[in-house]
Amino acid sequence: MIKRVLTIQRGIESVGDVINDFISNYLRENEYVIDINYIENGIRLKHYEEGRGEGFETVVAAIVHIGEKDNETN
């Protein structure tokens, strides 16, 4: 059963890092990731870097479904 849902909106190159950071630092001991869905959410201009031409990046929304482990022992 889904306990909570986390929505992360980032560029496609960094969304995985944000998800991994959440799992490592904020996912509680009695929780687990049920599923992760990615939805393309548009395109935006990348941050300017000297020596690099203008570029665009794909923006995605990652929807992370989090469940809670059953504490009962059989």
PDB file of N, CA and C in Angstrom:
ATOM      1  N   MET A   1       0.840  -1.176   0.000  1.00  0.00           N
ATOM      2  CA  MET A   1       0.000   0.000   0.000  1.00  0.00           C
ATOM      3  C   MET A   1       0.888   1.243   0.000  1.00  0.00           C
ATOM      4  N   ILE A   2       0.493   2.242  -0.754  1.00  0.00           N
ATOM      5  CA  ILE A   2       1.257   3.485  -0.842  1.00  0.00           C
ATOM      6  C   ILE A   2       1.027   4.319   0.418  1.00  0.00           C
ATOM      7  N   LYS A   3       2.126   4.679   1.066  1.00  0.00           N
ATOM      8  CA  LYS A   3       2.068   5.510   2.270  1.00  0.00           C
ATOM      9  C   LYS A   3       2.155   6.994   1.911  1.00  0.00           C
ATOM     10  N   ARG A   4       3.048   7.314   0.980  1.00  0.00           N
ATOM     11  CA  ARG A   4       3.209   8.704   0.551  1.00  0.00           C
ATOM     12  C   ARG A   4       3.798   8.737  -0.845  1.00  0.00           C
ATOM     13  N   VAL A   5       3.707   9.897  -1.482  1.00  0.00           N
ATOM     14  CA  VAL A   5       4.203  10.086  -2.842  1.00  0.00           C
ATOM     15  C   VAL A   5       5.107  11.312  -2.850  1.00  0.00           C
ATOM     16  N   LEU A   6       6.270  11.167  -3.457  1.00  0.00           N
ATOM     17  CA  LEU A   6       7.230  12.249  -3.576  1.00  0.00           C
ATOM     18  C   LEU A   6       7.312  12.640  -5.044  1.00  0.00           C
ATOM     19  N   THR A   7       7.209  13.927  -5.342  1.00  0.00           N
ATOM     20  CA  THR A   7       7.338  14.406  -6.718  1.00  0.00           C
ATOM     21  C   THR A   7       8.586  15.276  -6.797  1.00  0.00           C
ATOM     22  N   ILE A   8       9.469  14.936  -7.745  1.00  0.00           N
ATOM     23  CA  ILE A   8      10.717  15.670  -7.948  1.00  0.00           C
ATOM     24  C   ILE A   8      10.731  16.181  -9.380  1.00  0.00           C
ATOM     25  N   GLN A   9      10.998  17.463  -9.556  1.00  0.00           N
ATOM     26  CA  GLN A   9      11.076  18.036 -10.908  1.00  0.00           C
ATOM     27  C   GLN A   9      12.477  18.594 -11.106  1.00  0.00           C
ATOM     28  N   ARG A  10      13.214  18.008 -12.053  1.00  0.00           N
ATOM     29  CA  ARG A  10      14.595  18.402 -12.319  1.00  0.00           C
ATOM     30  C   ARG A  10      14.920  18.154 -13.791  1.00  0.00           C
ATOM     31  N   GLY A  11      16.114  18.587 -14.172  1.00  0.00           N
ATOM     32  CA  GLY A  11      16.639  18.232 -15.483  1.00  0.00           C
ATOM     33  C   GLY A  11      16.948  16.747 -15.502  1.00  0.00           C
ATOM     34  N   ILE A  12      16.854  16.151 -16.655  1.00  0.00           N
ATOM     35  CA  ILE A  12      17.000  14.698 -16.765  1.00  0.00           C
ATOM     36  C   ILE A  12      18.368  14.219 -16.299  1.00  0.00           C
ATOM     37  N   GLU A  13      19.376  15.067 -16.390  1.00  0.00           N
ATOM     38  CA  GLU A  13      20.719  14.662 -15.990  1.00  0.00           C
ATOM     39  C   GLU A  13      20.896  14.605 -14.477  1.00  0.00           C
ATOM     40  N   SER A  14      20.047  15.272 -13.707  1.00  0.00           N
ATOM     41  CA  SER A  14      20.244  15.323 -12.256  1.00  0.00           C
ATOM     42  C   SER A  14      19.132  14.660 -11.445  1.00  0.00           C
ATOM     43  N   VAL A  15      18.045  14.255 -12.069  1.00  0.00           N
ATOM     44  CA  VAL A  15      16.923  13.713 -11.311  1.00  0.00           C
ATOM     45  C   VAL A  15      17.306  12.413 -10.588  1.00  0.00           C
ATOM     46  N   GLY A  16      18.148  11.595 -11.199  1.00  0.00           N
ATOM     47  CA  GLY A  16      18.585  10.357 -10.558  1.00  0.00           C
ATOM     48  C   GLY A  16      19.382  10.616  -9.297  1.00  0.00           C
ATOM     49  N   ASP A  17      20.227  11.650  -9.321  1.00  0.00           N
ATOM     50  CA  ASP A  17      21.012  12.008  -8.133  1.00  0.00           C
ATOM     51  C   ASP A  17      20.109  12.449  -6.988  1.00  0.00           C
ATOM     52  N   VAL A  18      19.064  13.200  -7.309  1.00  0.00           N
ATOM     53  CA  VAL A  18      18.132  13.679  -6.281  1.00  0.00           C
ATOM     54  C   VAL A  18      17.365  12.506  -5.668  1.00  0.00           C
ATOM     55  N   ILE A  19      16.947  11.566  -6.504  1.00  0.00           N
ATOM     56  CA  ILE A  19      16.236  10.382  -6.002  1.00  0.00           C
ATOM     57  C   ILE A  19      17.159   9.565  -5.099  1.00  0.00           C
ATOM     58  N   ASN A  20      18.396   9.332  -5.533  1.00  0.00           N
ATOM     59  CA  ASN A  20      19.349   8.577  -4.717  1.00  0.00           C
ATOM     60  C   ASN A  20      19.633   9.261  -3.389  1.00  0.00           C
ATOM     61  N   ASP A  21      19.738  10.592  -3.414  1.00  0.00           N
ATOM     62  CA  ASP A  21      19.953  11.355  -2.183  1.00  0.00           C
ATOM     63  C   ASP A  21      18.776  11.187  -1.232  1.00  0.00           C
ATOM     64  N   PHE A  22      17.557  11.237  -1.777  1.00  0.00           N
ATOM     65  CA  PHE A  22      16.378  11.055  -0.934  1.00  0.00           C
ATOM     66  C   PHE A  22      16.378   9.665  -0.296  1.00  0.00           C
ATOM     67  N   ILE A  23      16.654   8.636  -1.099  1.00  0.00           N
ATOM     68  CA  ILE A  23      16.649   7.265  -0.575  1.00  0.00           C
ATOM     69  C   ILE A  23      17.720   7.099   0.502  1.00  0.00           C
ATOM     70  N   SER A  24      18.895   7.642   0.277  1.00  0.00           N
ATOM     71  CA  SER A  24      19.999   7.497   1.228  1.00  0.00           C
ATOM     72  C   SER A  24      19.783   8.273   2.525  1.00  0.00           C
ATOM     73  N   ASN A  25      19.164   9.449   2.423  1.00  0.00           N
ATOM     74  CA  ASN A  25      19.108  10.340   3.588  1.00  0.00           C
ATOM     75  C   ASN A  25      17.742  10.518   4.240  1.00  0.00           C
ATOM     76  N   TYR A  26      16.654  10.274   3.503  1.00  0.00           N
ATOM     77  CA  TYR A  26      15.345  10.620   4.046  1.00  0.00           C
ATOM     78  C   TYR A  26      14.355   9.465   4.106  1.00  0.00           C
ATOM     79  N   LEU A  27      14.641   8.372   3.424  1.00  0.00           N
ATOM     80  CA  LEU A  27      13.745   7.223   3.465  1.00  0.00           C
ATOM     81  C   LEU A  27      13.903   6.557   4.825  1.00  0.00           C
ATOM     82  N   ARG A  28      12.812   6.407   5.534  1.00  0.00           N
ATOM     83  CA  ARG A  28      12.857   5.845   6.883  1.00  0.00           C
ATOM     84  C   ARG A  28      13.111   4.340   6.840  1.00  0.00           C
ATOM     85  N   GLU A  29      13.546   3.795   7.954  1.00  0.00           N
ATOM     86  CA  GLU A  29      13.906   2.384   8.039  1.00  0.00           C
ATOM     87  C   GLU A  29      12.737   1.455   7.715  1.00  0.00           C
ATOM     88  N   ASN A  30      11.529   1.881   8.039  1.00  0.00           N
ATOM     89  CA  ASN A  30      10.356   1.035   7.803  1.00  0.00           C
ATOM     90  C   ASN A  30       9.667   1.333   6.471  1.00  0.00           C
ATOM     91  N   GLU A  31      10.332   2.075   5.574  1.00  0.00           N
ATOM     92  CA  GLU A  31       9.754   2.435   4.277  1.00  0.00           C
ATOM     93  C   GLU A  31      10.567   1.813   3.143  1.00  0.00           C
ATOM     94  N   TYR A  32       9.929   1.716   1.991  1.00  0.00           N
ATOM     95  CA  TYR A  32      10.605   1.221   0.793  1.00  0.00           C
ATOM     96  C   TYR A  32       9.982   1.883  -0.433  1.00  0.00           C
ATOM     97  N   VAL A  33      10.739   1.907  -1.535  1.00  0.00           N
ATOM     98  CA  VAL A  33      10.258   2.493  -2.782  1.00  0.00           C
ATOM     99  C   VAL A  33       9.476   1.423  -3.534  1.00  0.00           C
ATOM    100  N   ILE A  34       8.207   1.716  -3.827  1.00  0.00           N
ATOM    101  CA  ILE A  34       7.361   0.788  -4.572  1.00  0.00           C
ATOM    102  C   ILE A  34       7.613   0.937  -6.067  1.00  0.00           C
ATOM    103  N   ASP A  35       7.636   2.168  -6.545  1.00  0.00           N
ATOM    104  CA  ASP A  35       7.719   2.410  -7.982  1.00  0.00           C
ATOM    105  C   ASP A  35       8.174   3.845  -8.218  1.00  0.00           C
ATOM    106  N   ILE A  36       8.832   4.068  -9.363  1.00  0.00           N
ATOM    107  CA  ILE A  36       9.212   5.410  -9.785  1.00  0.00           C
ATOM    108  C   ILE A  36       8.739   5.587 -11.224  1.00  0.00           C
ATOM    109  N   ASN A  37       7.963   6.629 -11.467  1.00  0.00           N
ATOM    110  CA  ASN A  37       7.475   6.947 -12.811  1.00  0.00           C
ATOM    111  C   ASN A  37       8.075   8.278 -13.243  1.00  0.00           C
ATOM    112  N   TYR A  38       8.498   8.344 -14.502  1.00  0.00           N
ATOM    113  CA  TYR A  38       9.062   9.566 -15.052  1.00  0.00           C
ATOM    114  C   TYR A  38       8.114  10.121 -16.101  1.00  0.00           C
ATOM    115  N   ILE A  39       7.901  11.433 -16.049  1.00  0.00           N
ATOM    116  CA  ILE A  39       7.043  12.101 -17.016  1.00  0.00           C
ATOM    117  C   ILE A  39       7.818  13.286 -17.575  1.00  0.00           C
ATOM    118  N   GLU A  40       7.947  13.345 -18.898  1.00  0.00           N
ATOM    119  CA  GLU A  40       8.609  14.495 -19.504  1.00  0.00           C
ATOM    120  C   GLU A  40       7.744  15.723 -19.268  1.00  0.00           C
ATOM    121  N   ASN A  41       8.379  16.780 -18.772  1.00  0.00           N
ATOM    122  CA  ASN A  41       7.641  17.954 -18.349  1.00  0.00           C
ATOM    123  C   ASN A  41       8.016  19.195 -19.142  1.00  0.00           C
ATOM    124  N   GLY A  42       8.781  19.029 -20.211  1.00  0.00           N
ATOM    125  CA  GLY A  42       9.134  20.181 -21.030  1.00  0.00           C
ATOM    126  C   GLY A  42      10.621  20.283 -21.285  1.00  0.00           C
ATOM    127  N   ILE A  43      11.006  21.390 -21.852  1.00  0.00           N
ATOM    128  CA  ILE A  43      12.401  21.666 -22.181  1.00  0.00           C
ATOM    129  C   ILE A  43      12.707  23.087 -21.707  1.00  0.00           C
ATOM    130  N   ARG A  44      13.906  23.266 -21.156  1.00  0.00           N
ATOM    131  CA  ARG A  44      14.306  24.608 -20.723  1.00  0.00           C
ATOM    132  C   ARG A  44      15.741  24.874 -21.147  1.00  0.00           C
ATOM    133  N   LEU A  45      16.095  26.127 -21.166  1.00  0.00           N
ATOM    134  CA  LEU A  45      17.439  26.550 -21.524  1.00  0.00           C
ATOM    135  C   LEU A  45      18.393  26.140 -20.400  1.00  0.00           C
ATOM    136  N   LYS A  46      19.516  25.523 -20.773  1.00  0.00           N
ATOM    137  CA  LYS A  46      20.515  25.143 -19.771  1.00  0.00           C
ATOM    138  C   LYS A  46      21.199  26.374 -19.221  1.00  0.00           C
ATOM    139  N   HIS A  47      21.793  26.234 -18.034  1.00  0.00           N
ATOM    140  CA  HIS A  47      22.567  27.327 -17.449  1.00  0.00           C
ATOM    141  C   HIS A  47      23.767  27.623 -18.339  1.00  0.00           C
ATOM    142  N   TYR A  48      24.104  28.888 -18.449  1.00  0.00           N
ATOM    143  CA  TYR A  48      25.206  29.316 -19.311  1.00  0.00           C
ATOM    144  C   TYR A  48      26.537  28.852 -18.737  1.00  0.00           C
ATOM    145  N   GLU A  49      27.366  28.279 -19.587  1.00  0.00           N
ATOM    146  CA  GLU A  49      28.740  27.931 -19.226  1.00  0.00           C
ATOM    147  C   GLU A  49      29.652  28.531 -20.283  1.00  0.00           C
ATOM    148  N   GLU A  50      30.720  29.170 -19.847  1.00  0.00           N
ATOM    149  CA  GLU A  50      31.632  29.819 -20.775  1.00  0.00           C
ATOM    150  C   GLU A  50      32.247  28.789 -21.726  1.00  0.00           C
ATOM    151  N   GLY A  51      32.307  29.138 -22.984  1.00  0.00           N
ATOM    152  CA  GLY A  51      32.887  28.260 -23.980  1.00  0.00           C
ATOM    153  C   GLY A  51      31.914  27.228 -24.520  1.00  0.00           C
ATOM    154  N   ARG A  52      30.701  27.306 -24.084  1.00  0.00           N
ATOM    155  CA  ARG A  52      29.692  26.349 -24.525  1.00  0.00           C
ATOM    156  C   ARG A  52      28.525  27.120 -25.128  1.00  0.00           C
ATOM    157  N   GLY A  53      28.054  26.679 -26.232  1.00  0.00           N
ATOM    158  CA  GLY A  53      26.931  27.352 -26.870  1.00  0.00           C
ATOM    159  C   GLY A  53      25.644  27.144 -26.086  1.00  0.00           C
ATOM    160  N   GLU A  54      24.609  27.837 -26.517  1.00  0.00           N
ATOM    161  CA  GLU A  54      23.312  27.671 -25.869  1.00  0.00           C
ATOM    162  C   GLU A  54      22.843  26.239 -26.040  1.00  0.00           C
ATOM    163  N   GLY A  55      22.215  25.734 -25.035  1.00  0.00           N
ATOM    164  CA  GLY A  55      21.707  24.375 -25.102  1.00  0.00           C
ATOM    165  C   GLY A  55      20.429  24.245 -24.293  1.00  0.00           C
ATOM    166  N   PHE A  56      19.707  23.221 -24.569  1.00  0.00           N
ATOM    167  CA  PHE A  56      18.460  22.970 -23.872  1.00  0.00           C
ATOM    168  C   PHE A  56      18.553  21.631 -23.157  1.00  0.00           C
ATOM    169  N   GLU A  57      17.800  21.482 -22.079  1.00  0.00           N
ATOM    170  CA  GLU A  57      17.739  20.221 -21.364  1.00  0.00           C
ATOM    171  C   GLU A  57      16.281  19.805 -21.184  1.00  0.00           C
ATOM    172  N   THR A  58      16.075  18.523 -21.138  1.00  0.00           N
ATOM    173  CA  THR A  58      14.742  17.983 -20.922  1.00  0.00           C
ATOM    174  C   THR A  58      14.453  18.005 -19.428  1.00  0.00           C
ATOM    175  N   VAL A  59      13.282  18.477 -19.058  1.00  0.00           N
ATOM    176  CA  VAL A  59      12.858  18.520 -17.671  1.00  0.00           C
ATOM    177  C   VAL A  59      11.880  17.368 -17.454  1.00  0.00           C
ATOM    178  N   VAL A  60      12.103  16.627 -16.376  1.00  0.00           N
ATOM    179  CA  VAL A  60      11.212  15.509 -16.063  1.00  0.00           C
ATOM    180  C   VAL A  60      10.675  15.655 -14.649  1.00  0.00           C
ATOM    181  N   ALA A  61       9.516  15.071 -14.446  1.00  0.00           N
ATOM    182  CA  ALA A  61       8.960  14.938 -13.106  1.00  0.00           C
ATOM    183  C   ALA A  61       9.064  13.468 -12.757  1.00  0.00           C
ATOM    184  N   ALA A  62       9.681  13.172 -11.635  1.00  0.00           N
ATOM    185  CA  ALA A  62       9.773  11.805 -11.138  1.00  0.00           C
ATOM    186  C   ALA A  62       8.771  11.666  -9.997  1.00  0.00           C
ATOM    187  N   ILE A  63       7.897  10.696 -10.116  1.00  0.00           N
ATOM    188  CA  ILE A  63       6.895  10.450  -9.081  1.00  0.00           C
ATOM    189  C   ILE A  63       7.297   9.163  -8.371  1.00  0.00           C
ATOM    190  N   VAL A  64       7.673   9.290  -7.101  1.00  0.00           N
ATOM    191  CA  VAL A  64       8.188   8.167  -6.320  1.00  0.00           C
ATOM    192  C   VAL A  64       7.103   7.711  -5.346  1.00  0.00           C
ATOM    193  N   HIS A  65       6.665   6.469  -5.499  1.00  0.00           N
ATOM    194  CA  HIS A  65       5.664   5.903  -4.592  1.00  0.00           C
ATOM    195  C   HIS A  65       6.390   5.170  -3.463  1.00  0.00           C
ATOM    196  N   ILE A  66       6.073   5.528  -2.229  1.00  0.00           N
ATOM    197  CA  ILE A  66       6.752   4.973  -1.064  1.00  0.00           C
ATOM    198  C   ILE A  66       5.754   4.182  -0.227  1.00  0.00           C
ATOM    199  N   GLY A  67       6.163   2.984   0.134  1.00  0.00           N
ATOM    200  CA  GLY A  67       5.326   2.127   0.965  1.00  0.00           C
ATOM    201  C   GLY A  67       5.926   1.965   2.344  1.00  0.00           C
ATOM    202  N   GLU A  68       5.163   1.362   3.240  1.00  0.00           N
ATOM    203  CA  GLU A  68       5.621   1.127   4.604  1.00  0.00           C
ATOM    204  C   GLU A  68       5.622  -0.367   4.867  1.00  0.00           C
ATOM    205  N   LYS A  69       6.725  -0.857   5.430  1.00  0.00           N
ATOM    206  CA  LYS A  69       6.849  -2.269   5.746  1.00  0.00           C
ATOM    207  C   LYS A  69       5.912  -2.616   6.899  1.00  0.00           C
ATOM    208  N   ASP A  70       5.340  -3.805   6.839  1.00  0.00           N
ATOM    209  CA  ASP A  70       4.461  -4.289   7.898  1.00  0.00           C
ATOM    210  C   ASP A  70       5.327  -4.712   9.071  1.00  0.00           C
ATOM    211  N   ASN A  71       5.017  -4.213  10.268  1.00  0.00           N
ATOM    212  CA  ASN A  71       5.818  -4.512  11.445  1.00  0.00           C
ATOM    213  C   ASN A  71       5.420  -5.791  12.149  1.00  0.00           C
ATOM    214  N   GLU A  72       4.375  -6.460  11.679  1.00  0.00           N
ATOM    215  CA  GLU A  72       3.935  -7.681  12.326  1.00  0.00           C
ATOM    216  C   GLU A  72       4.879  -8.829  11.989  1.00  0.00           C
ATOM    217  N   THR A  73       5.105  -9.706  12.952  1.00  0.00           N
ATOM    218  CA  THR A  73       5.886 -10.906  12.713  1.00  0.00           C
ATOM    219  C   THR A  73       4.994 -12.113  12.821  1.00  0.00           C
ATOM    220  N   ASN A  74       5.125 -13.042  11.901  1.00  0.00           N
ATOM    221  CA  ASN A  74       4.268 -14.238  11.898  1.00  0.00           C
ATOM    222  C   ASN A  74       5.009 -15.428  12.434  1.00  0.00           C
TER     223      ASN A  74
END
